[in-house]
């Protein structure tokens, strides 16, 4: 009779594999939330200051996420100045956030988030609201935080199998 605790046996069992992927996704979400859940010490006064703070939250979350995924396969975060722009890359996924200082808006392209966004002044952490959505759409008024942006970007992340540093390939979820 096969040993149910043997990694070869559990690797063949689809229920165990699915549970492992769900657990890995939850742990990844906790790491991202922990990195971006800090409350800002003061409220940003304009869109540029808000985007800078948003970028700091994204950078911190990327560092923690890349500690798990590895630098080579992790999320690439790029901050460009004058005008302020943020770029995120992960595998084939791309997202860019560009500041429109005149209108105090942020234009996002990529990850099916295309549109113009405005920072929510009532939010504890920098959060964007899509102004391009009409009120009849399902995700109208949903806040986009650094945490939710990275969760969306890393939804196809591949995590190394726990306890197998040199074992079989990565576990995708």
Protein backbone atom coordinates (compact mmCIF):
# COMPACT_ATOMS: atom_id res chain seq x y z
CA UNK A 1 0.00 0.00 0.00
CA UNK A 2 1.44 3.45 -0.89
CA UNK A 3 2.47 5.77 1.91
CA UNK A 4 0.06 8.80 1.96
CA UNK A 5 2.78 11.00 3.50
CA UNK A 6 5.24 10.27 0.70
CA UNK A 7 5.75 13.40 -1.52
CA UNK A 8 5.44 11.22 -4.64
CA UNK A 9 2.01 10.06 -3.52
CA UNK A 10 0.74 13.51 -2.55
CA UNK A 11 2.10 14.95 -5.80
CA UNK A 12 -0.15 12.58 -7.75
CA UNK A 13 -3.27 13.28 -5.72
CA UNK A 14 -5.22 16.16 -7.39
CA UNK A 15 -7.10 17.05 -4.18
CA UNK A 16 -3.86 17.49 -2.24
CA UNK A 17 -2.37 19.49 -5.13
CA UNK A 18 -5.42 21.79 -5.25
CA UNK A 19 -5.34 22.32 -1.47
CA UNK A 20 -1.64 23.16 -1.66
CA UNK A 21 -2.28 25.74 -4.40
CA UNK A 22 -5.12 27.34 -2.39
CA UNK A 23 -2.94 27.48 0.73
CA UNK A 24 -0.06 28.99 -1.25
CA UNK A 25 -2.34 31.65 -2.78
CA UNK A 26 -3.63 32.60 0.70
CA UNK A 27 -0.10 32.87 2.08
CA UNK A 28 0.95 35.02 -0.87
CA UNK A 29 -2.04 37.30 -0.28
CA UNK A 30 -1.13 37.63 3.40
CA UNK A 31 2.42 38.66 2.51
CA UNK A 32 1.20 41.29 0.06
CA UNK A 33 -1.37 42.65 2.56
CA UNK A 34 1.23 42.82 5.32
CA UNK A 35 3.52 44.86 3.09
CA UNK A 36 0.94 47.42 2.02
CA UNK A 37 -1.45 47.59 4.94
CA UNK A 38 0.32 50.33 6.88
CA UNK A 39 -1.64 53.53 7.42
CA UNK A 40 0.00 56.64 6.00
CA UNK A 41 1.42 58.90 8.74
CA UNK A 42 -0.27 61.89 7.09
CA UNK A 43 -2.74 62.45 4.31
CA UNK A 44 -1.18 63.28 0.94
CA UNK A 45 -2.16 66.71 -0.33
CA UNK A 46 -2.21 66.12 -4.09
CA UNK A 47 -2.14 63.36 -6.71
CA UNK A 48 1.65 63.39 -7.05
CA UNK A 49 2.24 62.94 -3.34
CA UNK A 50 -0.43 60.22 -3.26
CA UNK A 51 1.15 58.40 -6.20
CA UNK A 52 4.57 58.57 -4.53
CA UNK A 53 3.11 57.01 -1.37
CA UNK A 54 1.28 54.43 -3.50
CA UNK A 55 4.62 53.64 -5.18
CA UNK A 56 6.32 53.20 -1.80
CA UNK A 57 3.66 50.67 -0.80
CA UNK A 58 4.07 48.83 -4.11
CA UNK A 59 7.88 48.82 -3.76
CA UNK A 60 7.68 47.37 -0.24
CA UNK A 61 5.20 44.71 -1.32
CA UNK A 62 7.36 43.83 -4.35
CA UNK A 63 10.39 43.30 -2.10
CA UNK A 64 8.45 40.94 0.15
CA UNK A 65 6.86 39.14 -2.77
CA UNK A 66 10.23 38.77 -4.52
CA UNK A 67 11.70 37.30 -1.35
CA UNK A 68 9.29 34.42 -1.91
CA UNK A 69 9.29 34.21 -5.71
CA UNK A 70 12.97 35.04 -6.23
CA UNK A 71 14.49 38.12 -7.85
CA UNK A 72 14.76 36.58 -11.33
CA UNK A 73 11.16 35.40 -11.51
CA UNK A 74 9.65 38.09 -9.31
CA UNK A 75 7.84 41.36 -9.98
CA UNK A 76 9.90 44.18 -11.48
CA UNK A 77 9.03 47.63 -10.15
CA UNK A 78 10.28 50.77 -11.89
CA UNK A 79 9.71 54.35 -10.76
CA UNK A 80 10.35 57.12 -13.30
CA UNK A 81 10.46 60.80 -12.38
CA UNK A 82 9.35 63.98 -14.18
CA UNK A 83 6.53 63.22 -14.84
CA UNK A 84 6.02 60.58 -12.18
CA UNK A 85 5.35 57.13 -13.66
CA UNK A 86 5.26 53.66 -12.12
CA UNK A 87 5.81 50.47 -14.11
CA UNK A 88 5.22 46.88 -13.01
CA UNK A 89 6.28 43.76 -14.89
CA UNK A 90 5.66 40.14 -14.07
CA UNK A 91 6.12 37.47 -16.73
CA UNK A 92 3.92 38.57 -19.66
CA UNK A 93 1.87 41.01 -17.56
CA UNK A 94 2.53 44.75 -17.66
CA UNK A 95 0.98 47.69 -15.86
CA UNK A 96 1.82 51.37 -16.00
CA UNK A 97 0.57 54.21 -13.83
CA UNK A 98 1.15 57.73 -15.14
CA UNK A 99 0.40 60.96 -13.33
CA UNK A 100 -1.67 63.67 -15.04
CA UNK A 101 -0.68 66.51 -12.74
CA UNK A 102 -2.92 69.09 -14.44
CA UNK A 103 -6.12 67.08 -13.86
CA UNK A 104 -4.88 65.39 -10.65
CA UNK A 105 -5.53 61.95 -12.19
CA UNK A 106 -3.60 58.74 -12.68
CA UNK A 107 -3.85 56.91 -16.00
CA UNK A 108 -3.45 53.16 -15.74
CA UNK A 109 -2.74 50.88 -18.67
CA UNK A 110 -2.52 47.09 -18.51
CA UNK A 111 -3.98 44.23 -16.45
CA UNK A 112 -7.45 45.10 -17.78
CA UNK A 113 -7.39 48.19 -15.55
CA UNK A 114 -7.21 50.71 -18.40
CA UNK A 115 -8.68 54.07 -17.53
CA UNK A 116 -8.38 57.26 -15.54
CA UNK A 117 -8.28 57.01 -11.77
CA UNK A 118 -8.54 59.47 -8.92
CA UNK A 119 -7.22 59.01 -5.39
CA UNK A 120 -9.86 58.47 -2.73
CA UNK A 121 -9.29 61.14 -0.04
CA UNK A 122 -11.26 59.13 2.56
CA UNK A 123 -9.09 56.02 2.31
CA UNK A 124 -6.55 55.17 5.04
CA UNK A 125 -4.02 53.96 2.47
CA UNK A 126 -3.56 55.41 -1.02
CA UNK A 127 -6.46 53.98 -3.04
CA UNK A 128 -7.52 54.73 -6.60
CA UNK A 129 -11.07 54.80 -7.94
CA UNK A 130 -11.69 54.27 -11.64
CA UNK A 131 -13.46 57.27 -13.15
CA UNK A 132 -13.83 55.48 -16.50
CA UNK A 133 -16.37 52.98 -15.13
CA UNK A 134 -20.04 53.76 -15.28
CA UNK A 135 -22.25 53.13 -12.28
CA UNK A 136 -23.96 50.10 -13.81
CA UNK A 137 -20.73 48.08 -14.07
CA UNK A 138 -20.10 45.44 -11.43
CA UNK A 139 -16.83 46.82 -10.05
CA UNK A 140 -17.88 50.47 -10.06
CA UNK A 141 -16.44 52.33 -7.07
CA UNK A 142 -14.03 49.53 -6.15
CA UNK A 143 -10.81 50.88 -4.68
CA UNK A 144 -7.51 49.86 -6.22
CA UNK A 145 -4.80 49.73 -3.57
CA UNK A 146 -1.17 48.69 -3.91
CA UNK A 147 -2.14 45.37 -2.33
CA UNK A 148 -4.99 44.67 -4.75
CA UNK A 149 -2.82 45.72 -7.72
CA UNK A 150 -0.06 43.28 -6.78
CA UNK A 151 -2.51 40.49 -6.04
CA UNK A 152 -3.94 40.95 -9.51
CA UNK A 153 -0.47 41.04 -11.06
CA UNK A 154 0.80 38.00 -9.15
CA UNK A 155 -2.34 35.90 -9.56
CA UNK A 156 -0.39 33.60 -11.91
CA UNK A 157 2.68 33.35 -9.67
CA UNK A 158 4.53 30.10 -9.34
CA UNK A 159 5.69 29.26 -5.84
CA UNK A 160 8.45 26.82 -5.04
CA UNK A 161 7.15 23.68 -3.37
CA UNK A 162 7.52 23.88 0.43
CA UNK A 163 10.43 21.86 1.77
CA UNK A 164 11.81 21.08 -1.68
CA UNK A 165 14.59 23.52 -2.45
CA UNK A 166 16.05 21.27 -5.12
CA UNK A 167 12.96 19.16 -5.78
CA UNK A 168 10.69 19.13 -8.80
CA UNK A 169 9.68 22.33 -10.60
CA UNK A 170 7.60 25.16 -9.18
CA UNK A 171 4.00 24.76 -8.12
CA UNK A 172 1.68 27.02 -10.03
CA UNK A 173 -1.74 28.19 -8.89
